[in-house]
Amino acid sequence: MIITPQILKNLMVGFSHAFKGGVAKAETQYTKITTTIPGTGKSTTYGWLGKWPKFREWVGDRVFKNLAAHAYTIVNKKYESSVEVERDEIEDDEIGVYMPMMEEMGQAASELPDELIFGLLGNGFTELCYDGQNFFDTDHPVNAEVDGSGVNALVSNMTAGLETPWFLLDTTRALKPMIYQLRRKIELKSMTDAKDSESSWLRDVFQFGADGRMNVGFGFWQMAHGSKAALTEANLNAAHAAMRAVKGDGDKALSIKPTTLVVPASLEQQAEAILNLSHLANGASNPMYKKYDLVVSDFL
């Protein structure tokens, strides 16, 4: 086969089709616990994260929340995956061996947000959120007054222990517990426009790669509880009660409603035994049946 610009164009069309097939094949879960926010620059600062938007009675002048009080910045990062195809394989019409690789690349591109989001959630005991504390911590400061004055109360959103961590989340709000900041969607590209490109001239190969820009971060810590205690009905109820009791500035009720249990694969059977059995071993109805949506992540 003589390599012509049209042959290279057809090759890219075939690879793009396989890439898109892989993207469509992936079953992602990050959207269940994440709000996607478009990135508009190198980074985005979420100053408003420190101010839960509760209402107050309007008496006298408006009370404005200081959005600069917490400067939580998510800096976009670049991610890529690239392959080289030898000229000989194109000439010999053996490019079919690369199709599964391109499909795998597409699936990996679709799964990247899951990898980033659940990876960050799992590290929430050591990664900082908007208030300068670890996302899961025992001493998040909450102001006693709506305007930020007064003595801070220290609030916990974690349960200590030595067991495999699991997470209870409220995903009912416009801003979910996790943020996926998308600056540029991952797309497949190629360096095949000219047969005398550097890679073709020096190494007799053509290059293909996918890349994009994005990053992840934490939303409101109040909407999440991380536990290192054993995953049991009692401990799950305790985490639920702790989330329901969390209040915001000025001792305002936040109406937190836990909806989603997130566990690693190692806790899948335990979680299913608690949530997915309609009846207990003694025949009684299971009070925990379908109480929470269950998300099992391979990236925790």
Foldseek 3Di string as FASTA:
>chain_A
DDDDLVLVVVVVVLLQVLLVLLLVPADEDLVQFEDEDEDDDQKDWFLCLQADPDDDDDDPDDQDEDSNPWTFMDGKDKDKDKDKAALVCSVVVNCVVCSNVSSNNSNCLNCVVVLQFVLVVQVQCPDAARQRHRLADFFRWFAQANNRDDGTDGHGQEADDQAAKKKWFQQPDNGGFKYKYFHFRKDKDWDPNDCCPPCCVPPRIIMIMIMGMIHMGGGHSLGMHMYRDDDDPVVVVVSQVSSQCDAHHNRHGPRHGTAEMEEEPVCVVVVCLLADDQADPVGHGRPNHNRHHYHYGPND
